[in-house]
Amino acid sequence: MNAITRNFGPATVPLIPDSAPFSPDQRAWLNGFLAGLYGGVENASTPGAPPPPAEEFPWHDPALELEERLVLAEGRGVPRRLMAAMAQLDCGQCGYLCQSYAEALAEGRETSTSLCQPGGKVTRDAVKRLMADVKAAPTAAPVVAKPRGEMTRLLASDRLTGAASGKDVRRIVLDLSGTNITYEPGDSLGVVVRNDPQLVEACLTRLNAQGDDALREALLAERDIARPLDRTLDLLAGAARDAREGAALRKLADGDDGAEPTQADLLDLLEAFPSARPPVADLVASLPKLRPRLYSIASSLRATPGRVELCVGVVRETRRGRVRDGVASCHIAFRADAVPAYTQTSHFRLPDRAGTPVIMVGAGTGIAPFRAFLQERAALGRKGRSWLFFGDRHAATDFLFAEELGAWKKDGTLGRLSLAWSRDGTVKDYVQHRMIEDAADLWRWLQDGGHFYVCGDASRMAKDVDAALRQIAMSEGGMNADQARDWIVALAKQGRYQRDVY
């Protein structure tokens, strides 16, 4: 089999011909590998390429729109089409990964179609449509074990944003003494949280169950009362004695446009539909499990022995005249003295070679793993080619870890710092704009074997950064759109393009 070649500017890249005995997905993967290999991979001298994986999931990319993902999954079985409808983040909020959640739905081991929180309504609607193809009758939802973790003591909850900022971002410090918890920069910390006691008491009052201590504990620590599932709405609708309330609940369960109340927690539902009172045990069983929350670790054990630090954005908003607290962020920032925690090992890792260029792109709390990276580099005495792109709203109030970054820039731990402030000028300025401005230098770093990291919001920032990277591959590398995508796929396959997105 002879490969054809395609010119990528500075290098001539071999391509797998259409006549080769590979599937389209396998051929695309191999072409992507070759594009990255001939575009400057640091271990390009290694002969040969790894064999293609047994099954490719081309839709497993959070930068793709839902419709694009569904098109890529056309012709596949129901589990794979369901997987394509998920948010592609493998964030664990549903208790599964995207693939395993889809398979559980298709096989009837899971009944709720609304567990994918990052996917929101569009995913929920797509999953419901696809589930119409599933013939097997669903069985009861499985019980997903919740990691208990080891108890850590809260040492600090320091506000990082200025008083005039519209955001409250906290540096959370947890004491690991007496635990077996260890971690590497890039890992995440799973934190076991509890619901707001005031919200729980209000729900108990509506259920006329203030004296039920077992129910109180279940609502405090076991069930997520902030995000009832469609099965909870179905249960309430079936129990409603008022026909109008039953109809309104069914519209909510079906995700109909205009259905109220939107973004309802359990208390909203109990207040809005007083005639809907199923047996309390059934109501509790219909609620989702209260799952641990994962936070990117913002520290290095070498720099902060015996501690772990997080960068947590406090979620708090007023809706329908009531203040709504983020379950995890407010528990950690304001209420907890200690929390059970555990490490979730990540793929997000610094390169093994000290001299490998490191490019980090983050906005807001997305700076967390990069602070850990820089602490680690400082502790190891590593200088040289590290480049951070950081953005937020206002330089005066939202420049997280500004003093530390300045010190690392001064001593050479951080080679370059590019900043973007979206609300300081007449035109909104974001990290992807800094990337485009420095496209030539950024391309050189990548051609020198650089590793590219992104942390932040998947649906906006990370998606825009991915588009900017493709644009740079085309403008600086002389590629067309397909070649740029192949090149980026190759970077990811080789561990040189890593994303910690949510």
Protein backbone atom coordinates (compact mmCIF):
# COMPACT_ATOMS: atom_id res chain seq x y z
CA MET A 1 0.00 0.00 0.00
CA ASN A 2 1.43 3.33 -1.05
CA ALA A 3 0.50 6.59 0.66
CA ILE A 4 -0.20 9.75 -1.29
CA THR A 5 1.09 13.08 -0.02
CA ARG A 6 -0.40 16.45 0.84
CA ASN A 7 1.63 19.64 1.28
CA PHE A 8 1.15 21.30 4.70
CA GLY A 9 3.47 24.27 4.13
CA PRO A 10 6.79 23.41 5.75
CA ALA A 11 6.34 19.64 5.50
CA THR A 12 5.01 17.16 2.96
CA VAL A 13 2.52 14.86 4.64
CA PRO A 14 1.74 11.32 3.44
CA LEU A 15 -1.95 10.43 3.22
CA ILE A 16 -3.72 7.08 3.20
CA PRO A 17 -5.33 6.64 -0.27
CA ASP A 18 -9.08 6.02 -0.62
CA SER A 19 -8.35 2.60 -2.09
CA ALA A 20 -6.62 1.42 1.09
CA PRO A 21 -8.40 -1.36 3.03
CA PHE A 22 -9.60 0.87 5.87
CA SER A 23 -12.97 2.23 6.90
CA PRO A 24 -13.51 6.00 6.46
CA ASP A 25 -13.13 6.51 10.23
CA GLN A 26 -9.89 4.50 10.33
CA ARG A 27 -8.52 6.35 7.31
CA ALA A 28 -9.38 9.73 8.89
CA TRP A 29 -7.65 8.69 12.10
CA LEU A 30 -4.51 7.57 10.27
CA ASN A 31 -4.43 10.74 8.16
CA GLY A 32 -4.74 12.80 11.34
CA PHE A 33 -1.90 10.90 12.95
CA LEU A 34 0.33 11.46 9.92
CA ALA A 35 -0.61 15.16 9.81
CA GLY A 36 0.45 15.62 13.43
CA LEU A 37 3.53 13.43 12.98
CA TYR A 38 4.84 15.44 10.05
CA GLY A 39 3.76 18.73 11.63
CA GLY A 40 6.39 18.64 14.39
CA VAL A 41 5.65 16.00 17.02
CA GLU A 42 8.53 15.79 19.47
CA ASN A 43 8.84 12.02 19.09
CA ALA A 44 8.50 12.04 15.33
CA SER A 45 11.49 9.74 15.00
CA THR A 46 9.48 6.81 16.38
CA PRO A 47 8.84 4.52 13.41
CA GLY A 48 5.34 3.41 12.53
CA ALA A 49 1.96 4.37 13.93
CA PRO A 50 -0.16 2.70 16.57
CA PRO A 51 -2.99 0.57 15.23
CA PRO A 52 -6.34 2.32 14.98
CA PRO A 53 -8.73 1.68 17.88
CA ALA A 54 -11.38 -1.01 17.48
CA GLU A 55 -14.16 1.58 17.45
CA GLU A 56 -14.01 5.30 16.76
CA PHE A 57 -16.45 7.84 18.16
CA PRO A 58 -16.01 10.83 15.81
CA TRP A 59 -18.87 12.67 17.51
CA HIS A 60 -17.15 12.51 20.92
CA ASP A 61 -16.03 16.14 20.69
CA PRO A 62 -17.69 18.88 22.80
CA ALA A 63 -16.72 21.46 20.17
CA LEU A 64 -19.20 19.94 17.69
CA GLU A 65 -22.83 21.07 17.58
CA LEU A 66 -25.52 18.52 18.44
CA GLU A 67 -26.73 18.22 14.86
CA GLU A 68 -23.17 17.62 13.62
CA ARG A 69 -22.69 14.88 16.19
CA LEU A 70 -25.96 13.19 15.26
CA VAL A 71 -24.99 13.23 11.59
CA LEU A 72 -21.67 11.55 12.42
CA ALA A 73 -23.56 8.81 14.28
CA GLU A 74 -26.09 8.15 11.50
CA GLY A 75 -26.32 4.49 10.61
CA ARG A 76 -25.01 3.38 13.99
CA GLY A 77 -27.05 1.51 16.57
CA VAL A 78 -29.27 3.27 19.10
CA PRO A 79 -26.61 3.28 21.89
CA ARG A 80 -24.16 5.16 19.66
CA ARG A 81 -26.76 7.65 18.44
CA LEU A 82 -27.76 8.26 22.04
CA MET A 83 -24.11 8.79 22.91
CA ALA A 84 -23.82 11.38 20.14
CA ALA A 85 -26.68 13.32 21.74
CA MET A 86 -24.79 13.67 25.04
CA ALA A 87 -22.62 16.71 25.81
CA GLN A 88 -19.38 14.71 25.17
CA LEU A 89 -17.71 15.96 28.36
CA ASP A 90 -17.52 12.68 30.34
CA CYS A 91 -18.05 14.97 33.33
CA GLY A 92 -19.62 12.29 35.54
CA GLN A 93 -22.53 14.47 36.69
CA CYS A 94 -24.97 11.83 35.43
CA GLY A 95 -23.15 9.05 37.29
CA TYR A 96 -21.88 7.61 34.02
CA LEU A 97 -19.65 8.54 31.11
CA CYS A 98 -21.33 9.62 27.86
CA GLN A 99 -20.94 6.14 26.37
CA SER A 100 -22.07 4.21 29.45
CA TYR A 101 -25.08 6.50 30.07
CA ALA A 102 -26.21 5.98 26.47
CA GLU A 103 -25.78 2.22 26.77
CA ALA A 104 -27.67 2.13 30.08
CA LEU A 105 -30.59 3.97 28.47
CA ALA A 106 -30.61 1.74 25.40
CA GLU A 107 -30.51 -1.42 27.50
CA GLY A 108 -33.20 -0.26 29.92
CA ARG A 109 -30.87 -0.13 32.93
CA GLU A 110 -31.55 3.62 33.26
CA THR A 111 -34.94 5.28 32.83
CA SER A 112 -34.23 8.99 33.16
CA THR A 113 -33.47 10.82 29.92
CA SER A 114 -32.54 14.12 31.58
CA LEU A 115 -29.37 13.29 33.52
CA CYS A 116 -27.01 15.08 31.10
CA GLN A 117 -26.86 18.47 32.81
CA PRO A 118 -24.34 20.16 30.46
CA GLY A 119 -26.43 19.07 27.47
CA GLY A 120 -29.52 20.83 28.79
CA LYS A 121 -32.85 20.86 26.97
CA VAL A 122 -31.47 20.16 23.49
CA THR A 123 -29.87 16.91 24.67
CA ARG A 124 -32.94 15.93 26.66
CA ASP A 125 -35.20 16.43 23.64
CA ALA A 126 -32.84 14.55 21.31
CA VAL A 127 -32.54 11.63 23.74
CA LYS A 128 -36.31 11.38 24.10
CA ARG A 129 -36.69 11.24 20.31
CA LEU A 130 -34.05 8.55 20.02
CA MET A 131 -35.52 6.52 22.87
CA ALA A 132 -38.62 6.00 20.72
CA ASP A 133 -36.46 3.50 18.79
CA VAL A 134 -35.74 1.45 21.89
CA LYS A 135 -38.01 -1.60 22.00
CA ALA A 136 -37.00 -3.11 25.32
CA ALA A 137 -39.14 -2.13 28.28
CA PRO A 138 -37.03 -0.19 30.79
CA THR A 139 -36.44 -1.52 34.25
CA ALA A 140 -35.79 0.34 37.48
CA ALA A 141 -32.87 2.76 37.50
CA PRO A 142 -29.68 1.33 38.97
CA VAL A 143 -28.29 2.50 42.24
CA VAL A 144 -24.98 4.21 41.48
CA ALA A 145 -22.52 4.02 44.34
CA LYS A 146 -21.33 7.39 45.57
CA PRO A 147 -17.69 7.60 46.61
CA ARG A 148 -17.55 8.45 50.29
CA GLY A 149 -14.08 9.95 50.30
CA GLU A 150 -11.93 10.79 53.29
CA MET A 151 -12.75 13.65 55.63
CA THR A 152 -10.79 16.84 54.94
CA ARG A 153 -10.90 19.96 57.10
CA LEU A 154 -11.60 23.35 55.56
CA LEU A 155 -8.69 25.71 56.25
CA ALA A 156 -9.66 28.73 54.16
CA SER A 157 -12.33 30.17 51.89
CA ASP A 158 -10.69 33.35 50.61
CA ARG A 159 -12.37 35.59 48.06
CA LEU A 160 -10.17 36.11 45.00
CA THR A 161 -12.35 38.57 43.10
CA GLY A 162 -12.62 42.22 44.14
CA ALA A 163 -15.57 43.62 46.06
CA ALA A 164 -16.87 45.37 42.94
CA SER A 165 -16.77 42.20 40.83
CA GLY A 166 -19.99 40.64 39.66
CA LYS A 167 -18.52 37.24 40.54
CA ASP A 168 -17.52 35.66 43.83
CA VAL A 169 -14.58 33.31 43.18
CA ARG A 170 -13.00 31.59 46.15
CA ARG A 171 -9.67 29.98 46.92
CA ILE A 172 -10.65 26.93 48.95
CA VAL A 173 -7.94 25.24 51.02
CA LEU A 174 -8.49 21.74 52.45
CA ASP A 175 -6.26 19.99 54.99
CA LEU A 176 -5.22 16.49 53.90
CA SER A 177 -3.49 15.53 57.18
CA GLY A 178 -4.67 12.18 58.44
CA THR A 179 -5.86 11.11 55.00
CA ASN A 180 -4.35 8.98 52.24
CA ILE A 181 -5.33 11.51 49.58
CA THR A 182 -2.61 12.32 47.08
CA TYR A 183 -2.76 13.96 43.67
CA GLU A 184 -0.81 15.23 40.68
CA PRO A 185 -1.21 18.61 38.96
CA GLY A 186 -4.06 18.25 36.51
CA ASP A 187 -6.14 15.89 38.68
CA SER A 188 -9.60 16.74 40.00
CA LEU A 189 -10.94 16.57 43.53
CA GLY A 190 -14.30 14.93 44.13
CA VAL A 191 -16.12 16.65 46.99
CA VAL A 192 -19.10 15.05 48.74
CA VAL A 193 -21.60 17.82 49.50
CA ARG A 194 -24.91 18.39 51.28
CA ASN A 195 -27.99 20.38 50.36
CA ASP A 196 -28.88 23.71 51.92
CA PRO A 197 -30.54 22.93 55.30
CA GLN A 198 -32.96 25.84 54.91
CA LEU A 199 -34.14 24.52 51.55
CA VAL A 200 -34.58 21.06 53.06
CA GLU A 201 -36.65 22.43 55.95
CA ALA A 202 -38.87 24.35 53.53
CA CYS A 203 -39.49 21.16 51.54
CA LEU A 204 -40.30 19.22 54.73
CA THR A 205 -42.81 21.90 55.70
CA ARG A 206 -44.55 21.63 52.31
CA LEU A 207 -44.67 17.85 52.74
CA ASN A 208 -45.96 18.22 56.30
CA ALA A 209 -43.07 16.02 57.44
CA GLN A 210 -41.05 18.25 59.77
CA GLY A 211 -40.70 15.48 62.34
CA ASP A 212 -39.35 12.86 59.94
CA ASP A 213 -35.61 12.74 60.70
CA ALA A 214 -34.91 9.94 58.21
CA LEU A 215 -36.52 11.96 55.43
CA ARG A 216 -34.59 15.06 56.51
CA GLU A 217 -31.28 13.19 56.24
CA ALA A 218 -32.24 11.76 52.85
CA LEU A 219 -32.98 15.24 51.51
CA LEU A 220 -29.86 16.70 53.10
CA ALA A 221 -27.28 14.14 52.01
CA GLU A 222 -28.65 11.56 49.60
CA ARG A 223 -30.94 13.17 47.01
CA ASP A 224 -30.48 16.15 44.70
CA ILE A 225 -33.42 18.44 45.42
CA ALA A 226 -32.08 21.26 43.24
CA ARG A 227 -32.62 19.37 39.96
CA PRO A 228 -35.64 17.03 39.98
CA LEU A 229 -35.77 14.64 37.03
CA ASP A 230 -38.45 14.07 34.43
CA ARG A 231 -39.48 10.95 36.36
CA THR A 232 -40.16 13.18 39.40
CA LEU A 233 -42.39 15.40 37.25
CA ASP A 234 -44.20 12.33 35.87
CA LEU A 235 -44.77 11.04 39.40
CA LEU A 236 -46.14 14.40 40.57
CA ALA A 237 -48.35 14.67 37.49
CA GLY A 238 -49.87 11.25 38.16
CA ALA A 239 -50.59 12.17 41.78
CA ALA A 240 -52.07 15.64 41.10
CA ARG A 241 -55.71 15.88 42.20
CA ASP A 242 -56.11 19.11 40.22
CA ALA A 243 -56.34 18.38 36.48
CA ARG A 244 -54.77 21.70 35.52
CA GLU A 245 -51.77 21.04 37.75
CA GLY A 246 -51.39 17.57 36.28
CA ALA A 247 -51.41 18.97 32.74
CA ALA A 248 -48.87 21.66 33.64
CA LEU A 249 -46.55 19.05 35.19
CA ARG A 250 -46.77 16.89 32.07
CA LYS A 251 -45.78 19.89 29.93
CA LEU A 252 -42.78 20.40 32.18
CA ALA A 253 -41.86 16.72 31.93
CA ASP A 254 -42.11 16.88 28.13
CA GLY A 255 -39.94 20.01 28.01
CA ASP A 256 -42.63 22.03 26.21
CA ASP A 257 -41.66 25.60 25.39
CA GLY A 258 -43.31 28.04 27.78
CA ALA A 259 -43.92 25.44 30.50
CA GLU A 260 -43.60 26.90 34.00
CA PRO A 261 -41.90 27.04 36.43
CA THR A 262 -38.59 26.87 34.59
CA GLN A 263 -35.39 25.71 36.31
CA ALA A 264 -37.52 24.43 39.16
CA ASP A 265 -36.13 22.82 42.27
CA LEU A 266 -38.19 20.52 44.49
CA LEU A 267 -39.53 23.39 46.60
CA ASP A 268 -40.71 25.22 43.46
CA LEU A 269 -42.69 22.15 42.42
CA LEU A 270 -44.20 21.60 45.85
CA GLU A 271 -45.27 25.26 46.03
CA ALA A 272 -46.58 25.50 42.46
CA PHE A 273 -48.54 22.22 42.54
CA PRO A 274 -50.01 21.74 46.04
CA SER A 275 -52.41 19.03 44.90
CA ALA A 276 -49.54 16.83 43.66
CA ARG A 277 -48.55 14.76 46.68
CA PRO A 278 -47.43 11.21 45.85
CA PRO A 279 -46.27 8.90 48.66
CA VAL A 280 -43.18 10.51 50.17
CA ALA A 281 -41.06 7.37 49.74
CA ASP A 282 -41.87 7.33 46.01
CA LEU A 283 -41.12 11.03 45.70
CA VAL A 284 -37.69 10.63 47.32
CA ALA A 285 -36.90 7.58 45.18
CA SER A 286 -37.69 9.58 42.02
CA LEU A 287 -35.12 12.26 42.82
CA PRO A 288 -31.59 11.92 41.44
CA LYS A 289 -28.77 10.86 43.70
CA LEU A 290 -26.83 13.76 45.18
CA ARG A 291 -23.50 13.17 43.50
CA PRO A 292 -20.05 14.43 44.44
CA ARG A 293 -18.87 17.53 42.59
CA LEU A 294 -15.57 17.51 40.74
CA TYR A 295 -13.23 20.50 40.84
CA SER A 296 -9.95 20.94 38.98
CA ILE A 297 -7.18 21.05 41.56
CA ALA A 298 -5.43 24.43 41.73
CA SER A 299 -2.30 23.42 43.65
CA SER A 300 0.79 21.20 43.59
CA LEU A 301 1.60 18.91 46.50
CA ARG A 302 5.27 19.82 46.05
CA ALA A 303 4.41 23.46 46.69
CA THR A 304 1.63 22.92 49.28
CA PRO A 305 2.40 19.66 51.13
CA GLY A 306 -0.50 18.32 53.16
CA ARG A 307 -3.05 20.57 51.43
CA VAL A 308 -5.17 20.76 48.34
CA GLU A 309 -6.48 24.03 46.92
CA LEU A 310 -9.44 24.69 44.64
CA CYS A 311 -10.67 27.69 42.67
CA VAL A 312 -14.45 27.75 43.13
CA GLY A 313 -16.93 30.13 41.54
CA VAL A 314 -19.82 30.67 43.96
CA VAL A 315 -23.20 30.13 42.29
CA ARG A 316 -25.93 32.27 43.81
CA GLU A 317 -28.88 33.89 42.05
CA THR A 318 -32.38 35.18 42.80
CA ARG A 319 -35.21 33.51 40.92
CA ARG A 320 -38.95 33.92 41.57
CA GLY A 321 -38.16 36.02 44.63
CA ARG A 322 -35.99 33.40 46.31
CA VAL A 323 -32.20 33.21 46.56
CA ARG A 324 -30.88 30.00 45.00
CA ASP A 325 -27.55 28.69 46.27
CA GLY A 326 -25.33 26.45 44.19
CA VAL A 327 -25.42 23.11 45.98
CA ALA A 328 -21.68 22.49 46.06
CA SER A 329 -20.14 25.96 45.79
CA CYS A 330 -22.16 27.48 48.65
CA HIS A 331 -21.74 24.40 50.81
CA ILE A 332 -17.95 24.59 50.47
CA ALA A 333 -17.63 28.36 50.56
CA PHE A 334 -20.02 29.19 53.42
CA ARG A 335 -21.39 26.22 55.37
CA ALA A 336 -18.89 23.37 55.63
CA ASP A 337 -16.18 22.96 58.26
CA ALA A 338 -15.08 19.67 56.73
CA VAL A 339 -15.96 17.69 53.61
CA PRO A 340 -15.33 14.11 52.45
CA ALA A 341 -13.12 14.20 49.36
CA TYR A 342 -11.25 11.92 46.98
CA THR A 343 -8.95 12.29 43.99
CA GLN A 344 -10.10 11.65 40.43
CA THR A 345 -7.05 10.98 38.28
CA SER A 346 -7.01 12.95 35.05
CA HIS A 347 -5.41 12.71 31.63
CA PHE A 348 -4.46 16.39 32.08
CA ARG A 349 -0.70 16.18 32.58
CA LEU A 350 2.40 18.29 32.07
CA PRO A 351 4.88 16.92 29.50
CA ASP A 352 7.56 14.58 30.81
CA ARG A 353 10.37 16.58 29.21
CA ALA A 354 11.18 19.81 31.03
CA GLY A 355 12.04 21.61 27.78
CA THR A 356 8.74 20.88 25.99
CA PRO A 357 6.80 24.11 25.30
CA VAL A 358 3.60 24.37 27.36
CA ILE A 359 0.65 26.49 26.16
CA MET A 360 -2.23 26.97 28.62
CA VAL A 361 -5.56 28.62 27.80
CA GLY A 362 -8.11 29.31 30.52
CA ALA A 363 -10.79 31.80 31.50
CA GLY A 364 -12.18 32.52 34.95
CA THR A 365 -11.96 29.48 37.23
CA GLY A 366 -10.45 27.62 34.27
CA ILE A 367 -7.12 28.92 35.53
CA ALA A 368 -7.18 26.30 38.32
CA PRO A 369 -5.13 23.48 36.73
CA PHE A 370 -2.69 25.98 35.24
CA ARG A 371 -1.95 27.43 38.65
CA ALA A 372 -1.20 23.85 39.70
CA PHE A 373 1.05 23.41 36.65
CA LEU A 374 2.96 26.60 37.42
CA GLN A 375 3.32 25.77 41.11
CA GLU A 376 4.75 22.41 40.08
CA ARG A 377 7.16 23.99 37.59
CA ALA A 378 8.29 26.50 40.22
CA ALA A 379 8.82 23.76 42.81
CA LEU A 380 10.89 21.77 40.28
CA GLY A 381 12.84 24.85 39.18
CA ARG A 382 11.64 24.55 35.59
CA LYS A 383 11.99 27.70 33.50
CA GLY A 384 11.55 28.32 29.83
CA ARG A 385 8.78 28.08 27.31
CA SER A 386 5.47 28.23 29.17
CA TRP A 387 2.69 30.51 27.92
CA LEU A 388 -0.57 31.31 29.68
CA PHE A 389 -3.60 32.86 27.99
CA PHE A 390 -6.01 34.05 30.68
CA GLY A 391 -9.22 36.02 30.41
CA ASP A 392 -12.09 37.29 32.53
CA ARG A 393 -14.36 40.33 32.75
CA HIS A 394 -12.36 43.15 34.38
CA ALA A 395 -8.63 43.45 35.03
CA ALA A 396 -9.18 45.43 38.24
CA THR A 397 -11.51 42.91 39.94
CA ASP A 398 -11.25 39.54 38.17
CA PHE A 399 -7.52 38.94 37.66
CA LEU A 400 -7.27 35.70 39.63
CA PHE A 401 -3.89 34.93 41.25
CA ALA A 402 -2.46 38.10 39.71
CA GLU A 403 0.42 38.46 42.20
CA GLU A 404 1.51 34.86 41.84
CA LEU A 405 1.41 35.03 38.05
CA GLY A 406 3.43 38.23 38.12
CA ALA A 407 6.08 36.63 40.33
CA TRP A 408 6.29 33.55 38.10
CA LYS A 409 6.59 35.78 35.06
CA LYS A 410 9.42 37.70 36.73
CA ASP A 411 11.44 34.62 37.75
CA GLY A 412 10.96 32.82 34.42
CA THR A 413 8.65 30.04 35.61
CA LEU A 414 6.06 31.58 33.27
CA GLY A 415 7.57 32.64 29.96
CA ARG A 416 4.66 34.56 28.45
CA LEU A 417 1.35 35.89 29.77
CA SER A 418 -1.41 37.01 27.38
CA LEU A 419 -4.50 38.61 28.96
CA ALA A 420 -8.01 39.36 27.69
CA TRP A 421 -10.66 41.42 29.53
CA SER A 422 -14.12 41.10 28.01
CA ARG A 423 -15.75 44.08 29.76
CA ASP A 424 -12.95 46.66 29.95
CA GLY A 425 -13.24 48.02 26.42
CA THR A 426 -15.89 48.96 23.90
CA VAL A 427 -15.38 45.60 22.16
CA LYS A 428 -15.49 42.29 23.99
CA ASP A 429 -12.04 40.74 24.16
CA TYR A 430 -11.48 37.03 24.72
CA VAL A 431 -8.55 34.60 24.95
CA GLN A 432 -9.10 33.36 21.41
CA HIS A 433 -8.45 36.91 20.16
CA ARG A 434 -5.04 36.89 21.86
CA MET A 435 -4.30 33.56 20.20
CA ILE A 436 -5.10 34.93 16.73
CA GLU A 437 -2.98 38.04 17.37
CA ASP A 438 0.01 35.86 18.30
CA ALA A 439 -0.72 33.19 15.68
CA ALA A 440 2.80 33.08 14.23
CA ASP A 441 4.51 32.58 17.60
CA LEU A 442 1.87 30.13 18.75
CA TRP A 443 2.31 28.08 15.58
CA ARG A 444 6.09 28.00 16.11
CA TRP A 445 5.66 26.70 19.64
CA LEU A 446 3.38 23.95 18.37
CA GLN A 447 5.78 23.06 15.57
CA ASP A 448 8.49 22.77 18.22
CA GLY A 449 6.47 20.01 19.90
CA GLY A 450 4.43 22.20 22.24
CA HIS A 451 1.59 20.80 24.32
CA PHE A 452 -1.69 22.77 24.19
CA TYR A 453 -4.09 22.78 27.17
CA VAL A 454 -7.58 24.28 27.53
CA CYS A 455 -9.67 24.56 30.68
CA GLY A 456 -13.08 26.21 30.93
CA ASP A 457 -16.62 26.29 29.62
CA ALA A 458 -17.11 23.71 26.86
CA SER A 459 -20.02 25.32 25.05
CA ARG A 460 -18.42 28.74 24.64
CA MET A 461 -14.79 29.38 25.56
CA ALA A 462 -13.35 25.95 24.74
CA LYS A 463 -15.32 25.81 21.51
CA ASP A 464 -14.05 29.24 20.44
CA VAL A 465 -10.47 28.32 21.37
CA ASP A 466 -10.73 25.17 19.28
CA ALA A 467 -11.98 27.22 16.31
CA ALA A 468 -9.09 29.69 16.77
CA LEU A 469 -6.58 26.84 16.82
CA ARG A 470 -7.98 25.50 13.56
CA GLN A 471 -7.81 28.98 12.05
CA ILE A 472 -4.14 29.24 13.06
CA ALA A 473 -3.41 25.84 11.51
CA MET A 474 -4.89 27.12 8.24
CA SER A 475 -3.33 30.60 8.26
CA GLU A 476 0.11 29.64 9.53
CA GLY A 477 0.36 26.02 8.41
CA GLY A 478 -1.15 26.40 4.94
CA MET A 479 -3.84 23.80 5.63
CA ASN A 480 -7.42 23.65 4.42
CA ALA A 481 -10.27 23.01 6.86
CA ASP A 482 -10.10 19.20 6.58
CA GLN A 483 -6.33 19.16 7.02
CA ALA A 484 -6.59 21.43 10.07
CA ARG A 485 -9.12 19.08 11.65
CA ASP A 486 -6.90 16.06 10.94
CA TRP A 487 -3.94 17.87 12.47
CA ILE A 488 -5.89 18.72 15.64
CA VAL A 489 -7.16 15.14 15.92
CA ALA A 490 -3.55 14.00 15.75
CA LEU A 491 -2.51 16.43 18.49
CA ALA A 492 -5.22 15.01 20.74
CA LYS A 493 -4.32 11.40 19.97
CA GLN A 494 -0.71 12.09 20.88
CA GLY A 495 -1.59 13.82 24.17
CA ARG A 496 -0.52 17.23 22.89
CA TYR A 497 -4.01 18.78 22.86
CA GLN A 498 -5.72 18.26 26.20
CA ARG A 499 -8.97 19.74 27.44
CA ASP A 500 -10.46 19.95 30.91
CA VAL A 501 -13.88 21.34 30.00
CA TYR A 502 -17.24 21.38 31.71
